[in-house]
């Protein structure tokens, strides 16, 4: 027995073309948003790249009793805040923000809890300075952490 195929139609060419164009636009948008994450904004400080300003940082960090931290900025760049990375013996790490500003040539002291979230004491502590710079071509500021200028406590 043969079944006759009558009155069965596919998509019209116009609708198929519109769907194809929409598919291409959605894919192009997704690729653009994904690739945009690889291109960073250019942040400047004193008219030069903020990465170059990181090489001008000269600071010391000391820990005293009762988790008192003293930061001495011997450089000519203001430090906006500090990021402190704690490492335990198992290999876990945590980052904490130490919201204290240290002007160029100045020093400050403050208290910070160095306990990890699980209650353990870290084996290693690294303090990283963070600078604030202006995004090139825009009127906004952005914080940049100088990962190459860290000090181990």
N, C-alpha and C. Protein backbone atom coordinates (compact mmCIF):
# COMPACT_ATOMS: atom_id res chain seq x y z
N UNK A 1 0.81 -1.16 0.00
CA UNK A 1 0.00 0.00 0.00
C UNK A 1 0.87 1.24 0.00
N UNK A 2 0.61 2.07 -0.91
CA UNK A 2 1.35 3.30 -1.03
C UNK A 2 0.59 4.42 -0.37
N UNK A 3 1.36 5.19 0.40
CA UNK A 3 0.75 6.38 0.98
C UNK A 3 1.07 7.54 0.06
N UNK A 4 0.08 8.25 -0.24
CA UNK A 4 0.33 9.40 -1.10
C UNK A 4 0.64 10.61 -0.25
N UNK A 5 1.66 11.33 -0.64
CA UNK A 5 2.07 12.53 0.09
C UNK A 5 1.50 13.71 -0.66
N UNK A 6 0.51 14.27 -0.06
CA UNK A 6 -0.13 15.44 -0.65
C UNK A 6 -0.29 16.49 0.44
N UNK A 7 -0.22 17.68 0.04
CA UNK A 7 -0.44 18.83 0.93
C UNK A 7 0.55 18.88 2.09
N UNK A 8 1.67 18.20 1.99
CA UNK A 8 2.71 18.35 3.00
C UNK A 8 3.76 19.29 2.44
N UNK A 9 4.04 20.33 3.22
CA UNK A 9 4.97 21.34 2.73
C UNK A 9 6.02 21.61 3.80
N UNK A 10 7.17 22.05 3.38
CA UNK A 10 8.23 22.44 4.30
C UNK A 10 8.12 23.94 4.60
N UNK A 11 9.16 24.47 5.20
CA UNK A 11 9.20 25.89 5.49
C UNK A 11 9.31 26.67 4.20
N UNK A 12 8.71 27.81 4.21
CA UNK A 12 8.86 28.65 3.02
C UNK A 12 10.29 29.19 2.99
N UNK A 13 10.80 29.49 1.84
CA UNK A 13 12.18 30.01 1.74
C UNK A 13 12.38 31.31 2.51
N UNK A 14 11.40 32.14 2.62
CA UNK A 14 11.51 33.40 3.36
C UNK A 14 11.70 33.13 4.84
N UNK A 15 10.89 32.26 5.39
CA UNK A 15 10.99 31.94 6.82
C UNK A 15 12.32 31.24 7.10
N UNK A 16 12.74 30.35 6.24
CA UNK A 16 14.02 29.66 6.42
C UNK A 16 15.17 30.66 6.39
N UNK A 17 15.12 31.63 5.51
CA UNK A 17 16.17 32.65 5.44
C UNK A 17 16.20 33.51 6.70
N UNK A 18 15.05 33.91 7.19
CA UNK A 18 14.98 34.72 8.42
C UNK A 18 15.53 33.93 9.61
N UNK A 19 15.16 32.67 9.72
CA UNK A 19 15.69 31.85 10.81
C UNK A 19 17.20 31.68 10.71
N UNK A 20 17.71 31.53 9.52
CA UNK A 20 19.16 31.40 9.32
C UNK A 20 19.88 32.68 9.73
N UNK A 21 19.34 33.83 9.34
CA UNK A 21 19.94 35.12 9.71
C UNK A 21 19.92 35.31 11.22
N UNK A 22 18.81 34.97 11.87
CA UNK A 22 18.73 35.08 13.33
C UNK A 22 19.74 34.16 14.01
N UNK A 23 19.91 32.97 13.50
CA UNK A 23 20.88 32.04 14.06
C UNK A 23 22.30 32.60 13.96
N UNK A 24 22.63 33.17 12.81
CA UNK A 24 23.96 33.76 12.62
C UNK A 24 24.16 34.95 13.55
N UNK A 25 23.16 35.80 13.72
CA UNK A 25 23.27 36.95 14.63
C UNK A 25 23.46 36.52 16.08
N UNK A 26 22.72 35.51 16.51
CA UNK A 26 22.86 35.02 17.88
C UNK A 26 24.25 34.43 18.09
N UNK A 27 24.74 33.65 17.15
CA UNK A 27 26.08 33.08 17.27
C UNK A 27 27.16 34.16 17.26
N UNK A 28 27.02 35.17 16.41
CA UNK A 28 28.00 36.26 16.35
C UNK A 28 28.01 37.04 17.66
N UNK A 29 26.85 37.28 18.25
CA UNK A 29 26.78 37.97 19.54
C UNK A 29 27.44 37.16 20.64
N UNK A 30 27.19 35.87 20.65
CA UNK A 30 27.81 35.02 21.67
C UNK A 30 29.33 35.00 21.53
N UNK A 31 29.83 34.90 20.32
CA UNK A 31 31.28 34.90 20.10
C UNK A 31 31.89 36.24 20.48
N UNK A 32 31.21 37.33 20.17
CA UNK A 32 31.70 38.66 20.53
C UNK A 32 31.79 38.81 22.05
N UNK A 33 30.75 38.41 22.77
CA UNK A 33 30.76 38.53 24.23
C UNK A 33 31.83 37.64 24.85
N UNK A 34 32.03 36.47 24.31
CA UNK A 34 33.06 35.57 24.81
C UNK A 34 34.45 36.14 24.56
N UNK A 35 34.70 36.65 23.37
CA UNK A 35 36.02 37.18 23.02
C UNK A 35 36.32 38.49 23.74
N UNK A 36 35.31 39.24 24.10
CA UNK A 36 35.52 40.51 24.79
C UNK A 36 36.19 40.31 26.14
N UNK A 37 36.00 39.15 26.75
CA UNK A 37 36.64 38.85 28.02
C UNK A 37 38.15 38.71 27.91
N UNK A 38 38.67 38.46 26.71
CA UNK A 38 40.10 38.32 26.52
C UNK A 38 40.81 39.66 26.33
N UNK A 39 40.06 40.68 25.98
CA UNK A 39 40.64 42.00 25.75
C UNK A 39 40.35 42.86 26.97
N UNK A 40 41.41 43.29 27.66
CA UNK A 40 41.21 44.09 28.86
C UNK A 40 41.26 45.57 28.52
N UNK A 41 40.64 46.34 29.40
CA UNK A 41 40.67 47.79 29.23
C UNK A 41 42.06 48.30 29.60
N UNK A 42 42.49 49.33 28.93
CA UNK A 42 43.80 49.90 29.21
C UNK A 42 43.65 50.92 30.35
N UNK A 43 44.29 50.62 31.48
CA UNK A 43 44.22 51.49 32.65
C UNK A 43 45.56 52.21 32.79
N UNK A 44 45.49 53.52 33.04
CA UNK A 44 46.70 54.33 33.16
C UNK A 44 46.78 54.99 34.53
N UNK A 45 48.01 55.23 34.95
CA UNK A 45 48.29 56.01 36.16
C UNK A 45 49.47 56.90 35.83
N UNK A 46 49.34 58.17 36.07
CA UNK A 46 50.37 59.16 35.74
C UNK A 46 50.70 59.17 34.25
N UNK A 47 49.71 58.85 33.41
CA UNK A 47 49.92 58.87 31.97
C UNK A 47 50.63 57.67 31.39
N UNK A 48 50.99 56.70 32.22
CA UNK A 48 51.62 55.48 31.72
C UNK A 48 50.75 54.29 32.11
N UNK A 49 51.03 53.16 31.51
CA UNK A 49 50.28 51.95 31.82
C UNK A 49 50.41 51.62 33.31
N UNK A 50 49.32 51.19 33.91
CA UNK A 50 49.33 50.93 35.35
C UNK A 50 50.27 49.77 35.70
N UNK A 51 50.49 48.85 34.75
CA UNK A 51 51.44 47.77 34.99
C UNK A 51 52.85 48.32 35.21
N UNK A 52 53.19 49.39 34.48
CA UNK A 52 54.50 50.02 34.66
C UNK A 52 54.57 50.76 36.00
N UNK A 53 53.44 51.30 36.47
CA UNK A 53 53.41 51.96 37.77
C UNK A 53 53.65 50.96 38.90
N UNK A 54 53.28 49.71 38.67
CA UNK A 54 53.50 48.67 39.69
C UNK A 54 54.99 48.48 39.97
N UNK A 55 55.83 48.71 38.97
CA UNK A 55 57.26 48.55 39.20
C UNK A 55 57.82 49.66 40.09
N UNK A 56 57.07 50.75 40.26
CA UNK A 56 57.51 51.85 41.12
C UNK A 56 57.10 51.66 42.58
N UNK A 57 56.39 50.59 42.87
CA UNK A 57 55.92 50.36 44.24
C UNK A 57 57.06 49.83 45.08
N UNK A 58 57.21 50.40 46.26
CA UNK A 58 58.21 49.96 47.22
C UNK A 58 57.56 50.04 48.60
N UNK A 59 57.12 48.90 49.12
CA UNK A 59 56.47 48.90 50.42
C UNK A 59 56.91 47.72 51.25
N UNK A 60 56.73 47.86 52.55
CA UNK A 60 57.04 46.78 53.49
C UNK A 60 55.79 46.48 54.29
N UNK A 61 55.63 45.23 54.65
CA UNK A 61 54.52 44.81 55.49
C UNK A 61 55.07 43.98 56.64
N UNK A 62 54.63 44.29 57.84
CA UNK A 62 55.08 43.57 59.03
C UNK A 62 53.87 43.19 59.87
N UNK A 63 53.94 42.02 60.48
CA UNK A 63 52.86 41.55 61.36
C UNK A 63 53.39 41.51 62.78
N UNK A 64 52.62 42.07 63.69
CA UNK A 64 52.97 42.08 65.11
C UNK A 64 51.96 41.23 65.87
N UNK A 65 52.09 41.22 67.17
CA UNK A 65 51.17 40.45 68.01
C UNK A 65 49.73 40.91 67.79
N UNK A 66 48.81 40.06 68.09
CA UNK A 66 47.38 40.34 67.97
C UNK A 66 46.96 40.69 66.55
N UNK A 67 47.67 40.15 65.55
CA UNK A 67 47.35 40.32 64.14
C UNK A 67 47.33 41.79 63.70
N UNK A 68 48.21 42.58 64.30
CA UNK A 68 48.37 43.97 63.90
C UNK A 68 49.34 44.02 62.71
N UNK A 69 48.93 44.70 61.66
CA UNK A 69 49.73 44.79 60.44
C UNK A 69 50.19 46.23 60.26
N UNK A 70 51.48 46.42 59.98
CA UNK A 70 52.01 47.74 59.68
C UNK A 70 52.48 47.74 58.23
N UNK A 71 52.02 48.74 57.49
CA UNK A 71 52.40 48.90 56.09
C UNK A 71 53.16 50.21 55.96
N UNK A 72 54.36 50.14 55.40
CA UNK A 72 55.17 51.33 55.15
C UNK A 72 55.35 51.46 53.64
N UNK A 73 54.88 52.57 53.10
CA UNK A 73 54.99 52.82 51.66
C UNK A 73 56.20 53.71 51.42
N UNK A 74 57.28 53.15 50.92
CA UNK A 74 58.51 53.90 50.65
C UNK A 74 58.57 54.40 49.21
N UNK A 75 57.59 54.07 48.42
CA UNK A 75 57.57 54.45 47.01
C UNK A 75 56.90 55.80 46.80
N UNK A 76 56.71 56.14 45.52
CA UNK A 76 56.07 57.42 45.18
C UNK A 76 54.69 57.22 44.57
N UNK A 77 54.08 56.05 44.81
CA UNK A 77 52.75 55.73 44.30
C UNK A 77 51.85 55.41 45.49
N UNK A 78 50.66 56.04 45.52
CA UNK A 78 49.69 55.76 46.58
C UNK A 78 49.13 54.35 46.39
N UNK A 79 49.01 53.62 47.50
CA UNK A 79 48.42 52.28 47.47
C UNK A 79 46.97 52.43 47.91
N UNK A 80 46.05 52.01 47.05
CA UNK A 80 44.61 52.17 47.30
C UNK A 80 44.12 51.23 48.40
N UNK A 81 44.46 49.97 48.29
CA UNK A 81 44.17 48.98 49.33
C UNK A 81 45.12 47.79 49.12
N UNK A 82 45.04 46.82 50.00
CA UNK A 82 45.89 45.64 49.90
C UNK A 82 45.03 44.40 49.74
N UNK A 83 45.51 43.46 48.98
CA UNK A 83 44.87 42.15 48.90
C UNK A 83 45.82 41.15 49.52
N UNK A 84 45.29 40.39 50.45
CA UNK A 84 46.11 39.45 51.21
C UNK A 84 45.69 38.03 50.82
N UNK A 85 46.67 37.24 50.38
CA UNK A 85 46.39 35.87 49.97
C UNK A 85 46.96 34.93 51.03
N UNK A 86 46.10 34.08 51.56
CA UNK A 86 46.46 33.13 52.60
C UNK A 86 46.56 31.73 51.99
N UNK A 87 47.63 31.00 52.32
CA UNK A 87 47.83 29.64 51.83
C UNK A 87 47.91 28.70 53.03
N UNK A 88 47.23 27.55 52.96
CA UNK A 88 47.38 26.55 54.03
C UNK A 88 48.28 25.41 53.55
N UNK A 89 48.52 24.44 54.42
CA UNK A 89 49.46 23.36 54.11
C UNK A 89 48.92 22.38 53.07
N UNK A 90 47.61 22.36 52.86
CA UNK A 90 47.00 21.42 51.93
C UNK A 90 47.03 21.96 50.49
N UNK A 91 47.23 23.26 50.35
CA UNK A 91 47.24 23.86 49.02
C UNK A 91 46.06 24.78 48.76
N UNK A 92 45.17 24.91 49.73
CA UNK A 92 44.04 25.82 49.58
C UNK A 92 44.51 27.25 49.77
N UNK A 93 43.80 28.19 49.16
CA UNK A 93 44.15 29.60 49.34
C UNK A 93 42.89 30.44 49.38
N UNK A 94 43.01 31.59 50.03
CA UNK A 94 41.91 32.55 50.14
C UNK A 94 42.49 33.94 49.94
N UNK A 95 41.68 34.81 49.37
CA UNK A 95 42.09 36.20 49.19
C UNK A 95 41.18 37.09 50.01
N UNK A 96 41.80 38.00 50.74
CA UNK A 96 41.06 38.97 51.55
C UNK A 96 41.46 40.37 51.15
N UNK A 97 40.52 41.26 51.20
CA UNK A 97 40.80 42.67 50.92
C UNK A 97 41.03 43.38 52.24
N UNK A 98 42.16 44.06 52.34
CA UNK A 98 42.51 44.86 53.52
C UNK A 98 42.29 46.31 53.10
N UNK A 99 41.13 46.84 53.45
CA UNK A 99 40.69 48.14 52.95
C UNK A 99 41.36 49.27 53.74
N UNK A 100 42.61 49.52 53.39
CA UNK A 100 43.37 50.57 54.06
C UNK A 100 44.25 51.24 53.01
N UNK A 101 44.20 52.55 52.95
CA UNK A 101 44.97 53.29 51.95
C UNK A 101 46.28 53.76 52.56
N UNK A 102 47.37 53.59 51.80
CA UNK A 102 48.69 54.01 52.25
C UNK A 102 49.24 55.00 51.23
N UNK A 103 49.32 56.25 51.63
CA UNK A 103 49.84 57.28 50.73
C UNK A 103 51.34 57.10 50.52
N UNK A 104 51.82 57.66 49.42
CA UNK A 104 53.25 57.59 49.11
C UNK A 104 54.05 58.22 50.24
N UNK A 105 55.07 57.49 50.73
CA UNK A 105 55.90 57.98 51.81
C UNK A 105 55.28 57.85 53.19
N UNK A 106 54.11 57.25 53.30
CA UNK A 106 53.42 57.14 54.59
C UNK A 106 53.41 55.73 55.12
N UNK A 107 52.84 55.60 56.30
CA UNK A 107 52.69 54.27 56.90
C UNK A 107 51.38 54.23 57.67
N UNK A 108 50.80 53.06 57.77
CA UNK A 108 49.56 52.85 58.51
C UNK A 108 49.63 51.51 59.23
N UNK A 109 48.83 51.39 60.26
CA UNK A 109 48.69 50.12 60.97
C UNK A 109 47.22 49.78 61.06
N UNK A 110 46.94 48.51 61.10
CA UNK A 110 45.57 48.04 61.23
C UNK A 110 45.57 46.59 61.66
N UNK A 111 44.38 46.09 61.94
CA UNK A 111 44.23 44.72 62.39
C UNK A 111 43.48 43.92 61.33
N UNK A 112 43.94 42.70 61.14
CA UNK A 112 43.27 41.80 60.20
C UNK A 112 43.30 40.39 60.76
N UNK A 113 42.22 39.67 60.54
CA UNK A 113 42.13 38.29 61.00
C UNK A 113 42.78 37.39 59.95
N UNK A 114 43.84 36.71 60.31
CA UNK A 114 44.56 35.85 59.38
C UNK A 114 44.07 34.41 59.40
N UNK A 115 42.99 34.12 60.11
CA UNK A 115 42.46 32.76 60.14
C UNK A 115 41.78 32.46 58.82
N UNK A 116 41.95 31.24 58.33
CA UNK A 116 41.25 30.80 57.13
C UNK A 116 39.78 30.55 57.50
N UNK A 117 38.92 30.43 56.51
CA UNK A 117 37.50 30.24 56.80
C UNK A 117 37.21 28.94 57.54
N UNK A 118 38.08 27.93 57.39
CA UNK A 118 37.88 26.68 58.12
C UNK A 118 38.48 26.73 59.53
N UNK A 119 39.03 27.89 59.92
CA UNK A 119 39.59 28.06 61.26
C UNK A 119 41.06 27.74 61.38
N UNK A 120 41.68 27.26 60.31
CA UNK A 120 43.10 26.91 60.37
C UNK A 120 43.98 28.16 60.23
N UNK A 121 45.22 28.00 60.62
CA UNK A 121 46.21 29.08 60.52
C UNK A 121 46.97 28.91 59.21
N UNK A 122 47.11 29.97 58.43
CA UNK A 122 47.80 29.82 57.14
C UNK A 122 49.29 29.59 57.31
N UNK A 123 49.87 28.86 56.37
CA UNK A 123 51.31 28.60 56.37
C UNK A 123 52.08 29.74 55.70
N UNK A 124 51.42 30.40 54.76
CA UNK A 124 52.09 31.45 53.99
C UNK A 124 51.09 32.57 53.75
N UNK A 125 51.58 33.82 53.85
CA UNK A 125 50.75 35.00 53.62
C UNK A 125 51.49 35.92 52.66
N UNK A 126 50.81 36.32 51.58
CA UNK A 126 51.39 37.26 50.62
C UNK A 126 50.48 38.48 50.55
N UNK A 127 51.09 39.66 50.63
CA UNK A 127 50.36 40.92 50.57
C UNK A 127 50.63 41.56 49.21
N UNK A 128 49.54 41.87 48.48
CA UNK A 128 49.64 42.49 47.16
C UNK A 128 49.06 43.91 47.22
N UNK A 129 49.77 44.91 46.69
CA UNK A 129 49.21 46.26 46.65
C UNK A 129 48.24 46.42 45.48
N UNK A 130 47.25 47.27 45.67
CA UNK A 130 46.29 47.57 44.61
C UNK A 130 46.31 49.08 44.37
N UNK A 131 46.39 49.45 43.10
CA UNK A 131 46.42 50.85 42.70
C UNK A 131 45.11 51.21 42.01
N UNK A 132 44.83 52.50 41.94
CA UNK A 132 43.67 52.95 41.19
C UNK A 132 44.17 53.79 40.04
N UNK A 133 43.63 53.54 38.87
CA UNK A 133 44.02 54.27 37.68
C UNK A 133 42.80 54.63 36.85
N UNK A 134 43.04 55.40 35.83
CA UNK A 134 41.96 55.86 34.96
C UNK A 134 41.91 54.99 33.71
N UNK A 135 40.71 54.58 33.33
CA UNK A 135 40.53 53.80 32.11
C UNK A 135 40.70 54.75 30.93
N UNK A 136 41.59 54.37 30.02
CA UNK A 136 41.91 55.23 28.88
C UNK A 136 40.67 55.42 28.00
N UNK A 137 40.38 56.68 27.69
CA UNK A 137 39.25 56.99 26.83
C UNK A 137 37.93 57.09 27.56
N UNK A 138 37.93 56.86 28.86
CA UNK A 138 36.69 56.93 29.64
C UNK A 138 36.95 57.78 30.87
N UNK A 139 35.89 58.20 31.51
CA UNK A 139 36.05 59.02 32.72
C UNK A 139 35.76 58.21 33.97
N UNK A 140 36.20 56.95 33.97
CA UNK A 140 36.00 56.11 35.15
C UNK A 140 37.35 55.60 35.65
N UNK A 141 37.39 55.28 36.92
CA UNK A 141 38.59 54.73 37.54
C UNK A 141 38.41 53.23 37.74
N UNK A 142 39.54 52.53 37.77
CA UNK A 142 39.51 51.09 37.96
C UNK A 142 40.66 50.68 38.87
N UNK A 143 40.39 49.73 39.75
CA UNK A 143 41.41 49.23 40.67
C UNK A 143 42.19 48.12 39.97
N UNK A 144 43.52 48.13 40.14
CA UNK A 144 44.39 47.13 39.54
C UNK A 144 45.30 46.58 40.63
N UNK A 145 45.31 45.27 40.80
CA UNK A 145 46.16 44.62 41.79
C UNK A 145 47.49 44.26 41.13
N UNK A 146 48.59 44.70 41.76
CA UNK A 146 49.94 44.44 41.25
C UNK A 146 50.41 43.09 41.79
N UNK A 147 50.19 42.04 41.00
CA UNK A 147 50.54 40.70 41.44
C UNK A 147 52.05 40.45 41.46
N UNK A 148 52.82 41.26 40.74
CA UNK A 148 54.28 41.09 40.72
C UNK A 148 54.96 41.82 41.88
N UNK A 149 54.22 42.64 42.62
CA UNK A 149 54.83 43.44 43.68
C UNK A 149 54.46 42.93 45.07
N UNK A 150 54.11 41.66 45.18
CA UNK A 150 53.69 41.10 46.46
C UNK A 150 54.85 40.94 47.46
N UNK A 151 54.51 41.01 48.75
CA UNK A 151 55.47 40.83 49.82
C UNK A 151 55.00 39.66 50.67
N UNK A 152 55.89 38.71 50.92
CA UNK A 152 55.57 37.55 51.74
C UNK A 152 55.83 37.84 53.20
N UNK A 153 54.85 37.52 54.04
CA UNK A 153 55.00 37.72 55.49
C UNK A 153 55.44 36.43 56.14
